[in-house]
Amino acid sequence: MQLDESSVRGVVDFLEGYARRCLEEVEELRRSTDGPGDESWVLLMDAASAFREAGQWCLLFDVERSRQLLVRAGVIYSQFNLGFGYYLLAVAEPAQLGELRRGIGRSFARLSGGAGFTERSEVGEPAVEAALNYPQQQAYLLLAGVVAGEDDDELRGMVQTVLTESPHSVGVSPVGALGIPIRRFWSLASALAGDVREAPMVGGTADTGPISAVVEHVHDWIAKYVQSVELAMANEHCWRHAAAPVDVVDLDICGTIALAASQLGLGQVMDGMTTLAEDLPPLGRVQIQLGQELAGYGYREGVMG
């Protein structure tokens, strides 16, 4: 990756320290005022974003610490019903989703009732929490719902309804750092649920298996990632010292690998990813390795030098 390890570790320590300081300020505000206000909300979002970014960088050298940081971000985001928070927990610590299943279920009940999982609500439609009015948050909530609904028949039924009836299944709203069309997230969620309606092309032939569908999504997203990162690497100084304006670790790619492993079987998914990695450039192979480690599979090999 041509990254200076001491710079990367410094970024992680700074971001984690900043997040902790934000939380301390929230506590100070709560002690000095009648209750949390807008200022507390801003500080909490700053803390969650810093924990999330620290977790991304940390995945390059310490997967366990990375999980802890991502979980801290996910817990804060999910307190405000942000779908991305539930997604981070599904990726980094799916066991915690059990405690949040009621909140996820309420979100699906509101959204599948007519106001959500379309474009933003029109006047006169049932109210939907502001956070879930945004297609991007709905996409991440859907992926988390697939995981959380595995042992919950009611939630699983709502997830299936959303998968089949949402106009986002053919939508193009950009999601994530790579600006992936939202329909790809719907297709991915279908695959993670073991339901593939449109056969992707794998190696020039149609393959309707869910693992092959996941591999195809990861392949396409890595192609976009490599293009973006190669541009960022043009500034060698900023890149090497972890200052380039790009997500060096992409949580959509790594998270998809981790979710697929938990939903579709670790061994088979890892076999598919290993085969995929053989045809990828080095930058793409690193994302596969990081996703495998986030899933609890693989070995630690230096990726920054």
Protein backbone atom coordinates (compact mmCIF):
# COMPACT_ATOMS: atom_id res chain seq x y z
CA MET A 1 0.00 0.00 0.00
CA GLN A 2 3.10 2.26 0.24
CA LEU A 3 1.90 3.75 3.54
CA ASP A 4 4.10 4.86 6.41
CA GLU A 5 3.01 2.71 9.36
CA SER A 6 3.92 5.26 12.01
CA SER A 7 1.76 7.86 10.22
CA VAL A 8 -1.17 5.46 10.04
CA ARG A 9 -0.87 4.59 13.73
CA GLY A 10 -0.63 8.29 14.55
CA VAL A 11 -3.85 9.00 12.64
CA VAL A 12 -5.66 6.24 14.54
CA ASP A 13 -4.45 7.50 17.92
CA PHE A 14 -5.40 11.08 17.07
CA LEU A 15 -8.89 10.17 15.85
CA GLU A 16 -9.59 7.94 18.85
CA GLY A 17 -8.36 10.65 21.22
CA TYR A 18 -10.53 13.24 19.49
CA ALA A 19 -13.58 10.98 19.75
CA ARG A 20 -13.00 10.42 23.46
CA ARG A 21 -12.65 14.17 24.01
CA CYS A 22 -15.97 14.76 22.21
CA LEU A 23 -17.66 12.28 24.55
CA GLU A 24 -16.14 14.02 27.57
CA GLU A 25 -17.57 17.33 26.35
CA VAL A 26 -20.98 15.72 25.97
CA GLU A 27 -20.84 14.60 29.60
CA GLU A 28 -19.79 18.10 30.67
CA LEU A 29 -22.75 19.58 28.79
CA ARG A 30 -25.16 17.11 30.36
CA ARG A 31 -23.95 18.02 33.84
CA SER A 32 -24.22 21.75 33.21
CA THR A 33 -27.53 21.91 31.32
CA ASP A 34 -31.05 20.51 31.66
CA GLY A 35 -30.52 17.94 28.95
CA PRO A 36 -28.85 17.13 25.65
CA GLY A 37 -29.32 19.70 22.90
CA ASP A 38 -28.08 20.38 19.40
CA GLU A 39 -24.53 20.90 20.62
CA SER A 40 -24.48 17.44 22.22
CA TRP A 41 -25.80 15.91 19.01
CA VAL A 42 -23.02 17.51 16.97
CA LEU A 43 -20.38 16.28 19.42
CA LEU A 44 -21.78 12.75 19.39
CA MET A 45 -21.78 12.66 15.58
CA ASP A 46 -18.21 13.96 15.59
CA ALA A 47 -17.24 11.21 18.04
CA ALA A 48 -18.95 8.50 16.00
CA SER A 49 -17.35 9.69 12.76
CA ALA A 50 -13.90 9.81 14.39
CA PHE A 51 -14.32 6.30 15.85
CA ARG A 52 -15.45 5.05 12.44
CA GLU A 53 -12.51 6.59 10.57
CA ALA A 54 -10.08 5.35 13.22
CA GLY A 55 -11.54 1.87 12.86
CA GLN A 56 -11.02 1.94 9.12
CA TRP A 57 -7.36 2.92 9.39
CA CYS A 58 -6.80 0.52 12.28
CA LEU A 59 -7.91 -2.44 10.18
CA LEU A 60 -4.58 -2.11 8.37
CA PHE A 61 -2.63 -3.25 11.43
CA ASP A 62 -4.92 -4.41 14.30
CA VAL A 63 -8.21 -6.07 13.44
CA GLU A 64 -9.41 -6.50 17.05
CA ARG A 65 -8.87 -2.85 17.92
CA SER A 66 -10.52 -1.95 14.62
CA ARG A 67 -13.63 -3.93 15.58
CA GLN A 68 -13.80 -2.17 18.94
CA LEU A 69 -13.59 1.26 17.30
CA LEU A 70 -16.21 0.40 14.68
CA VAL A 71 -18.52 -0.93 17.39
CA ARG A 72 -18.18 2.31 19.35
CA ALA A 73 -19.12 4.25 16.22
CA GLY A 74 -22.00 1.90 15.50
CA VAL A 75 -23.45 2.19 18.99
CA ILE A 76 -23.52 5.99 18.83
CA TYR A 77 -24.98 6.10 15.33
CA SER A 78 -27.64 3.52 16.19
CA GLN A 79 -28.75 5.59 19.19
CA PHE A 80 -30.02 8.06 16.61
CA ASN A 81 -31.54 5.32 14.45
CA LEU A 82 -28.99 5.75 11.68
CA GLY A 83 -28.93 2.68 9.48
CA PHE A 84 -25.18 2.98 9.04
CA GLY A 85 -24.77 2.39 12.77
CA TYR A 86 -26.66 -0.87 12.59
CA TYR A 87 -24.54 -1.84 9.58
CA LEU A 88 -21.29 -1.23 11.47
CA LEU A 89 -22.50 -3.45 14.29
CA ALA A 90 -23.57 -6.16 11.84
CA VAL A 91 -20.08 -6.07 10.33
CA ALA A 92 -17.95 -5.74 13.45
CA GLU A 93 -19.99 -7.36 16.25
CA PRO A 94 -23.22 -8.98 14.99
CA ALA A 95 -23.98 -10.36 18.46
CA GLN A 96 -24.82 -6.81 19.56
CA LEU A 97 -27.58 -6.60 16.96
CA GLY A 98 -29.73 -8.86 19.13
CA GLU A 99 -29.99 -6.12 21.73
CA LEU A 100 -30.96 -3.62 19.02
CA ARG A 101 -33.38 -5.86 17.11
CA ARG A 102 -36.43 -4.02 18.48
CA GLY A 103 -35.12 -0.71 17.17
CA ILE A 104 -34.34 -2.21 13.80
CA GLY A 105 -37.78 -3.80 13.70
CA ARG A 106 -39.49 -0.49 14.50
CA SER A 107 -37.54 1.17 11.70
CA PHE A 108 -38.62 -1.49 9.22
CA ALA A 109 -42.22 -1.27 10.42
CA ARG A 110 -42.25 2.49 9.83
CA LEU A 111 -40.50 2.33 6.50
CA SER A 112 -42.29 -0.67 5.03
CA GLY A 113 -45.60 0.94 5.97
CA GLY A 114 -45.51 3.19 2.96
CA ALA A 115 -43.46 6.27 3.76
CA GLY A 116 -39.99 4.85 3.56
CA PHE A 117 -37.88 2.82 1.17
CA THR A 118 -38.95 5.14 -1.63
CA GLU A 119 -37.77 8.66 -2.18
CA ARG A 120 -38.14 11.20 0.61
CA SER A 121 -41.67 11.43 2.04
CA GLU A 122 -44.16 13.77 0.41
CA VAL A 123 -46.49 16.07 2.31
CA GLY A 124 -49.43 14.10 3.67
CA GLU A 125 -47.58 10.78 3.85
CA PRO A 126 -46.96 9.13 7.21
CA ALA A 127 -44.02 10.68 9.04
CA VAL A 128 -40.73 8.85 8.95
CA GLU A 129 -37.84 9.60 11.25
CA ALA A 130 -35.59 12.12 9.55
CA ALA A 131 -32.53 9.86 9.61
CA LEU A 132 -34.35 7.16 7.67
CA ASN A 133 -35.67 9.52 5.02
CA TYR A 134 -32.33 9.25 3.29
CA PRO A 135 -31.84 6.39 0.80
CA GLN A 136 -28.25 5.87 1.95
CA GLN A 137 -29.34 5.15 5.53
CA GLN A 138 -32.07 2.85 4.26
CA ALA A 139 -29.53 0.83 2.27
CA TYR A 140 -27.35 0.19 5.31
CA LEU A 141 -30.39 -0.55 7.47
CA LEU A 142 -31.48 -3.16 4.93
CA LEU A 143 -28.15 -5.00 5.12
CA ALA A 144 -28.27 -4.95 8.91
CA GLY A 145 -31.87 -6.15 8.81
CA VAL A 146 -30.86 -9.23 6.82
CA VAL A 147 -28.44 -10.16 9.60
CA ALA A 148 -30.72 -9.23 12.50
CA GLY A 149 -33.70 -11.01 10.93
CA GLU A 150 -31.97 -14.36 10.72
CA ASP A 151 -33.55 -15.49 14.02
CA ASP A 152 -36.63 -13.26 13.92
CA ASP A 153 -39.46 -14.39 11.64
CA GLU A 154 -41.35 -11.09 11.86
CA LEU A 155 -38.34 -8.97 11.00
CA ARG A 156 -37.29 -11.38 8.25
CA GLY A 157 -40.75 -11.00 6.72
CA MET A 158 -40.47 -7.22 6.71
CA VAL A 159 -37.03 -7.45 5.12
CA GLN A 160 -38.42 -9.66 2.35
CA THR A 161 -41.25 -7.20 1.76
CA VAL A 162 -38.79 -4.35 1.38
CA LEU A 163 -36.57 -6.40 -0.93
CA THR A 164 -39.44 -7.18 -3.28
CA GLU A 165 -41.48 -3.97 -3.18
CA SER A 166 -38.99 -1.11 -2.85
CA PRO A 167 -38.35 1.09 -5.88
CA HIS A 168 -34.76 1.27 -4.65
CA SER A 169 -34.29 -2.19 -6.15
CA VAL A 170 -33.90 -0.38 -9.47
CA GLY A 171 -32.71 2.95 -8.04
CA VAL A 172 -29.50 4.82 -8.79
CA SER A 173 -29.00 7.02 -5.70
CA PRO A 174 -25.26 6.93 -4.83
CA VAL A 175 -24.31 5.18 -1.59
CA GLY A 176 -21.02 5.08 0.29
CA ALA A 177 -17.57 6.43 -0.46
CA LEU A 178 -17.59 4.85 -3.92
CA GLY A 179 -21.01 6.20 -4.90
CA ILE A 180 -22.41 2.73 -5.59
CA PRO A 181 -25.95 2.80 -7.07
CA ILE A 182 -28.45 1.84 -4.38
CA ARG A 183 -29.90 -0.95 -6.51
CA ARG A 184 -26.63 -2.84 -6.01
CA PHE A 185 -27.21 -2.78 -2.25
CA TRP A 186 -30.69 -4.23 -2.79
CA SER A 187 -29.21 -6.95 -4.98
CA LEU A 188 -26.52 -7.62 -2.38
CA ALA A 189 -29.10 -7.87 0.39
CA SER A 190 -31.06 -10.40 -1.70
CA ALA A 191 -27.91 -12.47 -2.11
CA LEU A 192 -27.12 -12.31 1.62
CA ALA A 193 -30.66 -13.51 2.28
CA GLY A 194 -29.99 -16.43 -0.07
CA ASP A 195 -32.36 -15.07 -2.72
CA VAL A 196 -30.89 -14.11 -6.11
CA ARG A 197 -33.40 -12.99 -8.72
CA GLU A 198 -31.06 -11.67 -11.40
CA ALA A 199 -28.15 -13.88 -12.37
CA PRO A 200 -24.85 -11.97 -12.47
CA MET A 201 -22.25 -12.80 -15.05
CA VAL A 202 -19.29 -14.60 -13.53
CA GLY A 203 -16.47 -15.53 -15.87
CA GLY A 204 -18.72 -14.91 -18.86
CA THR A 205 -21.47 -17.31 -17.76
CA ALA A 206 -24.59 -16.75 -15.70
CA ASP A 207 -24.41 -18.03 -12.14
CA THR A 208 -27.45 -17.71 -9.90
CA GLY A 209 -25.77 -18.72 -6.64
CA PRO A 210 -25.77 -16.15 -3.82
CA ILE A 211 -22.02 -16.49 -3.19
CA SER A 212 -21.27 -15.88 -6.87
CA ALA A 213 -23.54 -12.82 -6.72
CA VAL A 214 -21.62 -11.45 -3.74
CA VAL A 215 -18.29 -12.09 -5.48
CA GLU A 216 -19.54 -10.21 -8.53
CA HIS A 217 -20.54 -7.19 -6.45
CA VAL A 218 -17.18 -7.16 -4.66
CA HIS A 219 -15.36 -7.46 -7.99
CA ASP A 220 -17.16 -4.44 -9.44
CA TRP A 221 -16.73 -2.34 -6.30
CA ILE A 222 -13.01 -3.09 -6.10
CA ALA A 223 -12.63 -1.90 -9.70
CA LYS A 224 -14.10 1.48 -8.65
CA TYR A 225 -11.97 1.49 -5.50
CA VAL A 226 -8.73 0.89 -7.38
CA GLN A 227 -9.51 3.68 -9.83
CA SER A 228 -10.20 6.12 -6.99
CA VAL A 229 -7.14 5.16 -4.95
CA GLU A 230 -4.75 5.26 -7.89
CA LEU A 231 -5.73 8.90 -8.41
CA ALA A 232 -5.13 9.64 -4.72
CA MET A 233 -1.71 7.97 -4.85
CA ALA A 234 -0.55 10.51 -7.42
CA ASN A 235 0.31 12.80 -4.51
CA GLU A 236 2.93 10.53 -3.01
CA HIS A 237 3.59 12.63 0.09
CA CYS A 238 -0.06 12.89 1.17
CA TRP A 239 -0.68 9.26 0.36
CA ARG A 240 2.31 7.87 2.20
CA HIS A 241 1.57 9.92 5.32
CA ALA A 242 -2.13 8.95 5.50
CA ALA A 243 -3.36 12.38 4.41
CA ALA A 244 -4.96 11.59 1.05
CA PRO A 245 -8.67 12.54 0.78
CA VAL A 246 -9.87 8.98 0.16
CA ASP A 247 -11.03 5.99 2.20
CA VAL A 248 -7.97 3.74 2.09
CA VAL A 249 -10.01 0.96 3.71
CA ASP A 250 -13.46 0.74 2.13
CA LEU A 251 -16.08 -0.42 4.62
CA ASP A 252 -18.56 -1.33 1.91
CA ILE A 253 -16.14 -3.83 0.38
CA CYS A 254 -14.67 -5.21 3.62
CA GLY A 255 -18.06 -5.18 5.33
CA THR A 256 -19.70 -7.04 2.46
CA ILE A 257 -17.11 -9.81 2.76
CA ALA A 258 -17.67 -10.05 6.52
CA LEU A 259 -21.47 -10.09 6.16
CA ALA A 260 -21.33 -12.72 3.42
CA ALA A 261 -19.12 -14.93 5.58
CA SER A 262 -21.55 -14.73 8.49
CA GLN A 263 -24.65 -15.28 6.35
CA LEU A 264 -23.55 -17.70 3.65
CA GLY A 265 -20.77 -19.71 5.26
CA LEU A 266 -17.21 -18.72 6.08
CA GLY A 267 -15.40 -21.44 4.11
CA GLN A 268 -17.31 -21.11 0.84
CA VAL A 269 -17.25 -17.32 0.84
CA MET A 270 -13.53 -17.24 1.59
CA ASP A 271 -12.88 -19.70 -1.24
CA GLY A 272 -14.78 -17.41 -3.60
CA MET A 273 -12.86 -14.35 -2.41
CA THR A 274 -9.52 -16.11 -2.68
CA THR A 275 -10.29 -17.08 -6.27
CA LEU A 276 -11.39 -13.51 -7.03
CA ALA A 277 -8.19 -12.07 -5.52
CA GLU A 278 -6.06 -14.01 -7.99
CA ASP A 279 -7.25 -11.77 -10.83
CA LEU A 280 -7.05 -8.46 -8.95
CA PRO A 281 -4.29 -5.82 -8.81
CA PRO A 282 -2.43 -5.56 -5.47
CA LEU A 283 -4.61 -2.69 -4.20
CA GLY A 284 -7.70 -4.81 -4.74
CA ARG A 285 -6.19 -7.87 -3.10
CA VAL A 286 -5.52 -5.85 0.05
CA GLN A 287 -9.26 -5.10 0.40
CA ILE A 288 -10.01 -8.81 0.06
CA GLN A 289 -7.47 -9.65 2.77
CA LEU A 290 -8.82 -6.98 5.12
CA GLY A 291 -12.37 -8.20 4.56
CA GLN A 292 -11.29 -11.76 5.29
CA GLU A 293 -9.64 -10.68 8.53
CA LEU A 294 -12.70 -8.69 9.54
CA ALA A 295 -14.68 -11.89 8.98
CA GLY A 296 -12.31 -13.75 11.30
CA TYR A 297 -10.46 -15.58 8.57
CA GLY A 298 -6.99 -15.35 7.10
CA TYR A 299 -3.56 -14.43 8.28
CA ARG A 300 -1.83 -11.20 9.20
CA GLU A 301 0.47 -10.08 6.43
CA GLY A 302 1.99 -6.63 6.14
CA VAL A 303 -0.23 -4.50 3.90
CA MET A 304 1.14 -0.98 4.40
CA GLY A 305 4.64 -1.20 2.99
